[in-house]
Amino acid sequence: MKSKICIIILLISATFLGVYGQDISYFLDENIIEWNAMYYLTAVTYISIFLYFVKILWTYILQRKNVLKGNILNLYWLVTVIPSFLISLWSIFVLAMWWG
């Protein structure tokens, strides 16, 4: 049960960072350390993609240990791969537009 909750937390965290990366980088630039917001966005994008990668790896490990089986396993893979791919593409697109 703990591992399933951790997977859900990873998904929510990575999605939040991927979707709101621009706002987070502006916030960090204005309120924490005045640095170029582009560097903050780069860091937030990498962290988001890394969290998705960890989530995919964790789901695979749970599959190998037979913790997730049948329809639940298919649902986890569906919820893992599709949002990970789409939001990572969006984050990379936004990052590429920022870098010019």
N, C-alpha and C. Protein backbone atom coordinates (compact mmCIF):
# COMPACT_ATOMS: atom_id res chain seq x y z
N MET A 1 0.82 -1.20 0.00
CA MET A 1 0.00 0.00 0.00
C MET A 1 0.86 1.26 0.00
N LYS A 2 1.96 1.21 0.77
CA LYS A 2 2.85 2.37 0.82
C LYS A 2 3.43 2.70 -0.55
N SER A 3 3.83 1.66 -1.26
CA SER A 3 4.45 1.89 -2.56
C SER A 3 3.46 2.47 -3.55
N LYS A 4 2.20 2.07 -3.46
CA LYS A 4 1.19 2.62 -4.36
C LYS A 4 0.95 4.10 -4.07
N ILE A 5 0.94 4.46 -2.80
CA ILE A 5 0.77 5.87 -2.43
C ILE A 5 1.98 6.68 -2.89
N CYS A 6 3.17 6.12 -2.75
CA CYS A 6 4.38 6.83 -3.22
C CYS A 6 4.35 7.04 -4.73
N ILE A 7 3.86 6.06 -5.47
CA ILE A 7 3.75 6.19 -6.92
C ILE A 7 2.78 7.32 -7.27
N ILE A 8 1.67 7.38 -6.57
CA ILE A 8 0.69 8.44 -6.82
C ILE A 8 1.27 9.81 -6.48
N ILE A 9 2.01 9.90 -5.38
CA ILE A 9 2.64 11.17 -5.00
C ILE A 9 3.68 11.58 -6.05
N LEU A 10 4.45 10.62 -6.55
CA LEU A 10 5.42 10.92 -7.61
C LEU A 10 4.72 11.44 -8.86
N LEU A 11 3.62 10.81 -9.23
CA LEU A 11 2.87 11.25 -10.42
C LEU A 11 2.35 12.67 -10.24
N ILE A 12 1.76 12.96 -9.10
CA ILE A 12 1.21 14.30 -8.85
C ILE A 12 2.33 15.34 -8.82
N SER A 13 3.44 15.02 -8.15
CA SER A 13 4.55 15.97 -8.06
C SER A 13 5.16 16.25 -9.43
N ALA A 14 5.42 15.20 -10.18
CA ALA A 14 6.03 15.37 -11.50
C ALA A 14 5.09 16.12 -12.44
N THR A 15 3.80 15.84 -12.36
CA THR A 15 2.84 16.54 -13.21
C THR A 15 2.75 18.01 -12.84
N PHE A 16 2.73 18.30 -11.55
CA PHE A 16 2.69 19.69 -11.10
C PHE A 16 3.92 20.45 -11.57
N LEU A 17 5.10 19.85 -11.42
CA LEU A 17 6.33 20.51 -11.87
C LEU A 17 6.35 20.67 -13.38
N GLY A 18 5.86 19.68 -14.10
CA GLY A 18 5.87 19.75 -15.56
C GLY A 18 4.91 20.79 -16.11
N VAL A 19 3.73 20.88 -15.52
CA VAL A 19 2.71 21.80 -16.04
C VAL A 19 2.97 23.24 -15.58
N TYR A 20 3.34 23.40 -14.32
CA TYR A 20 3.51 24.75 -13.77
C TYR A 20 4.98 25.16 -13.65
N GLY A 21 5.83 24.59 -14.49
CA GLY A 21 7.25 24.90 -14.44
C GLY A 21 7.57 26.36 -14.66
N GLN A 22 6.87 27.01 -15.59
CA GLN A 22 7.11 28.43 -15.84
C GLN A 22 6.78 29.27 -14.62
N ASP A 23 5.63 29.02 -14.02
CA ASP A 23 5.23 29.78 -12.85
C ASP A 23 6.18 29.56 -11.68
N ILE A 24 6.62 28.32 -11.52
CA ILE A 24 7.56 28.02 -10.44
C ILE A 24 8.88 28.73 -10.67
N SER A 25 9.35 28.75 -11.90
CA SER A 25 10.63 29.41 -12.18
C SER A 25 10.53 30.92 -11.99
N TYR A 26 9.41 31.52 -12.40
CA TYR A 26 9.21 32.95 -12.14
C TYR A 26 9.16 33.23 -10.64
N PHE A 27 8.47 32.38 -9.88
CA PHE A 27 8.37 32.55 -8.44
C PHE A 27 9.75 32.47 -7.79
N LEU A 28 10.53 31.47 -8.18
CA LEU A 28 11.87 31.31 -7.62
C LEU A 28 12.76 32.49 -7.98
N ASP A 29 12.63 32.99 -9.20
CA ASP A 29 13.44 34.12 -9.64
C ASP A 29 13.09 35.39 -8.86
N GLU A 30 11.82 35.61 -8.60
CA GLU A 30 11.40 36.84 -7.94
C GLU A 30 11.55 36.78 -6.42
N ASN A 31 11.40 35.61 -5.82
CA ASN A 31 11.31 35.54 -4.36
C ASN A 31 12.48 34.85 -3.67
N ILE A 32 13.21 34.03 -4.35
CA ILE A 32 14.29 33.30 -3.68
C ILE A 32 15.64 33.95 -4.00
N ILE A 33 16.17 33.67 -5.14
CA ILE A 33 17.44 34.26 -5.57
C ILE A 33 17.22 34.83 -6.96
N GLU A 34 17.61 36.07 -7.16
CA GLU A 34 17.47 36.66 -8.50
C GLU A 34 18.51 36.03 -9.40
N TRP A 35 18.04 35.18 -10.25
CA TRP A 35 18.85 34.46 -11.19
C TRP A 35 18.04 34.42 -12.46
N ASN A 36 18.59 34.04 -13.54
CA ASN A 36 17.81 33.96 -14.77
C ASN A 36 16.76 32.86 -14.62
N ALA A 37 15.51 33.20 -14.87
CA ALA A 37 14.41 32.24 -14.71
C ALA A 37 14.55 31.05 -15.65
N MET A 38 15.30 31.23 -16.72
CA MET A 38 15.52 30.15 -17.67
C MET A 38 16.25 28.97 -17.01
N TYR A 39 17.18 29.28 -16.12
CA TYR A 39 17.92 28.22 -15.43
C TYR A 39 17.01 27.49 -14.44
N TYR A 40 16.15 28.23 -13.78
CA TYR A 40 15.18 27.59 -12.89
C TYR A 40 14.25 26.67 -13.68
N LEU A 41 13.79 27.14 -14.84
CA LEU A 41 12.90 26.32 -15.66
C LEU A 41 13.61 25.05 -16.13
N THR A 42 14.88 25.17 -16.47
CA THR A 42 15.65 23.99 -16.87
C THR A 42 15.73 22.98 -15.74
N ALA A 43 16.01 23.46 -14.53
CA ALA A 43 16.09 22.56 -13.38
C ALA A 43 14.75 21.92 -13.07
N VAL A 44 13.68 22.71 -13.11
CA VAL A 44 12.34 22.17 -12.82
C VAL A 44 11.95 21.13 -13.87
N THR A 45 12.28 21.38 -15.13
CA THR A 45 11.96 20.42 -16.19
C THR A 45 12.73 19.12 -16.00
N TYR A 46 14.01 19.21 -15.69
CA TYR A 46 14.79 18.00 -15.46
C TYR A 46 14.27 17.21 -14.25
N ILE A 47 13.90 17.92 -13.19
CA ILE A 47 13.36 17.24 -12.01
C ILE A 47 12.06 16.53 -12.35
N SER A 48 11.20 17.19 -13.11
CA SER A 48 9.93 16.59 -13.50
C SER A 48 10.15 15.31 -14.32
N ILE A 49 11.03 15.37 -15.29
CA ILE A 49 11.31 14.19 -16.12
C ILE A 49 11.95 13.09 -15.28
N PHE A 50 12.82 13.46 -14.36
CA PHE A 50 13.45 12.47 -13.48
C PHE A 50 12.40 11.78 -12.60
N LEU A 51 11.45 12.54 -12.06
CA LEU A 51 10.40 11.94 -11.23
C LEU A 51 9.53 10.99 -12.05
N TYR A 52 9.24 11.34 -13.29
CA TYR A 52 8.50 10.41 -14.16
C TYR A 52 9.30 9.13 -14.40
N PHE A 53 10.60 9.29 -14.62
CA PHE A 53 11.45 8.12 -14.83
C PHE A 53 11.46 7.22 -13.60
N VAL A 54 11.55 7.82 -12.41
CA VAL A 54 11.53 7.05 -11.17
C VAL A 54 10.19 6.33 -11.03
N LYS A 55 9.10 6.99 -11.39
CA LYS A 55 7.78 6.37 -11.31
C LYS A 55 7.67 5.17 -12.25
N ILE A 56 8.17 5.31 -13.46
CA ILE A 56 8.15 4.19 -14.41
C ILE A 56 9.01 3.04 -13.88
N LEU A 57 10.18 3.36 -13.36
CA LEU A 57 11.07 2.33 -12.81
C LEU A 57 10.42 1.63 -11.61
N TRP A 58 9.79 2.40 -10.75
CA TRP A 58 9.14 1.83 -9.57
C TRP A 58 7.97 0.92 -9.96
N THR A 59 7.20 1.34 -10.94
CA THR A 59 6.09 0.50 -11.42
C THR A 59 6.63 -0.81 -12.00
N TYR A 60 7.73 -0.74 -12.72
CA TYR A 60 8.34 -1.95 -13.27
C TYR A 60 8.82 -2.88 -12.15
N ILE A 61 9.42 -2.31 -11.12
CA ILE A 61 9.89 -3.13 -9.99
C ILE A 61 8.72 -3.80 -9.29
N LEU A 62 7.63 -3.06 -9.09
CA LEU A 62 6.45 -3.65 -8.46
C LEU A 62 5.84 -4.74 -9.34
N GLN A 63 5.94 -4.58 -10.64
CA GLN A 63 5.46 -5.63 -11.55
C GLN A 63 6.32 -6.88 -11.41
N ARG A 64 7.63 -6.71 -11.34
CA ARG A 64 8.53 -7.85 -11.22
C ARG A 64 8.36 -8.59 -9.89
N LYS A 65 8.00 -7.84 -8.83
CA LYS A 65 7.79 -8.46 -7.52
C LYS A 65 6.37 -9.00 -7.35
N ASN A 66 5.56 -8.88 -8.39
CA ASN A 66 4.16 -9.33 -8.38
C ASN A 66 3.31 -8.63 -7.34
N VAL A 67 3.63 -7.38 -7.04
CA VAL A 67 2.79 -6.59 -6.15
C VAL A 67 1.58 -6.07 -6.92
N LEU A 68 1.81 -5.70 -8.17
CA LEU A 68 0.72 -5.23 -9.04
C LEU A 68 0.42 -6.33 -10.05
N LYS A 69 -0.87 -6.67 -10.16
CA LYS A 69 -1.25 -7.75 -11.07
C LYS A 69 -2.50 -7.37 -11.85
N GLY A 70 -2.66 -7.98 -13.00
CA GLY A 70 -3.89 -7.91 -13.78
C GLY A 70 -4.30 -6.52 -14.21
N ASN A 71 -5.57 -6.21 -13.97
CA ASN A 71 -6.14 -4.94 -14.42
C ASN A 71 -5.50 -3.74 -13.72
N ILE A 72 -5.14 -3.90 -12.46
CA ILE A 72 -4.49 -2.81 -11.72
C ILE A 72 -3.15 -2.49 -12.37
N LEU A 73 -2.41 -3.51 -12.76
CA LEU A 73 -1.12 -3.30 -13.42
C LEU A 73 -1.30 -2.56 -14.74
N ASN A 74 -2.29 -2.97 -15.53
CA ASN A 74 -2.56 -2.28 -16.80
C ASN A 74 -2.94 -0.83 -16.56
N LEU A 75 -3.74 -0.58 -15.54
CA LEU A 75 -4.12 0.79 -15.20
C LEU A 75 -2.91 1.62 -14.78
N TYR A 76 -2.03 1.04 -13.97
CA TYR A 76 -0.83 1.75 -13.55
C TYR A 76 0.05 2.10 -14.75
N TRP A 77 0.22 1.16 -15.67
CA TRP A 77 1.04 1.45 -16.86
C TRP A 77 0.40 2.53 -17.72
N LEU A 78 -0.91 2.47 -17.86
CA LEU A 78 -1.62 3.47 -18.64
C LEU A 78 -1.47 4.86 -18.01
N VAL A 79 -1.66 4.93 -16.71
CA VAL A 79 -1.57 6.20 -16.00
C VAL A 79 -0.12 6.67 -15.89
N THR A 80 0.82 5.76 -16.01
CA THR A 80 2.23 6.12 -15.93
C THR A 80 2.77 6.63 -17.26
N VAL A 81 2.56 5.89 -18.32
CA VAL A 81 3.24 6.17 -19.58
C VAL A 81 2.62 7.36 -20.33
N ILE A 82 1.32 7.40 -20.46
CA ILE A 82 0.69 8.45 -21.27
C ILE A 82 0.91 9.85 -20.70
N PRO A 83 0.58 10.10 -19.42
CA PRO A 83 0.85 11.45 -18.89
C PRO A 83 2.34 11.78 -18.86
N SER A 84 3.17 10.78 -18.55
CA SER A 84 4.61 11.03 -18.52
C SER A 84 5.11 11.52 -19.86
N PHE A 85 4.69 10.84 -20.91
CA PHE A 85 5.14 11.20 -22.25
C PHE A 85 4.62 12.58 -22.66
N LEU A 86 3.33 12.81 -22.48
CA LEU A 86 2.73 14.07 -22.94
C LEU A 86 3.23 15.28 -22.15
N ILE A 87 3.29 15.16 -20.85
CA ILE A 87 3.72 16.30 -20.05
C ILE A 87 5.22 16.54 -20.20
N SER A 88 6.00 15.49 -20.36
CA SER A 88 7.43 15.68 -20.62
C SER A 88 7.65 16.37 -21.96
N LEU A 89 6.89 15.98 -22.98
CA LEU A 89 6.99 16.67 -24.27
C LEU A 89 6.62 18.15 -24.13
N TRP A 90 5.56 18.42 -23.40
CA TRP A 90 5.14 19.81 -23.18
C TRP A 90 6.24 20.59 -22.46
N SER A 91 6.81 20.01 -21.42
CA SER A 91 7.86 20.68 -20.65
C SER A 91 9.09 20.96 -21.52
N ILE A 92 9.46 20.00 -22.34
CA ILE A 92 10.63 20.18 -23.21
C ILE A 92 10.32 21.24 -24.27
N PHE A 93 9.10 21.26 -24.79
CA PHE A 93 8.71 22.28 -25.75
C PHE A 93 8.80 23.67 -25.14
N VAL A 94 8.26 23.84 -23.94
CA VAL A 94 8.31 25.13 -23.27
C VAL A 94 9.76 25.52 -22.99
N LEU A 95 10.56 24.57 -22.55
CA LEU A 95 11.97 24.85 -22.28
C LEU A 95 12.70 25.26 -23.56
N ALA A 96 12.42 24.59 -24.66
CA ALA A 96 13.05 24.94 -25.93
C ALA A 96 12.65 26.34 -26.38
N MET A 97 11.40 26.71 -26.17
CA MET A 97 10.95 28.06 -26.53
C MET A 97 11.64 29.11 -25.67
N TRP A 98 11.87 28.80 -24.41
CA TRP A 98 12.56 29.74 -23.54
C TRP A 98 14.02 29.91 -23.95
N TRP A 99 14.66 28.82 -24.30
CA TRP A 99 16.07 28.90 -24.67
C TRP A 99 16.24 29.51 -26.07
N GLY A 100 15.19 29.51 -26.84
CA GLY A 100 15.24 30.16 -28.15
C GLY A 100 15.86 29.33 -29.15
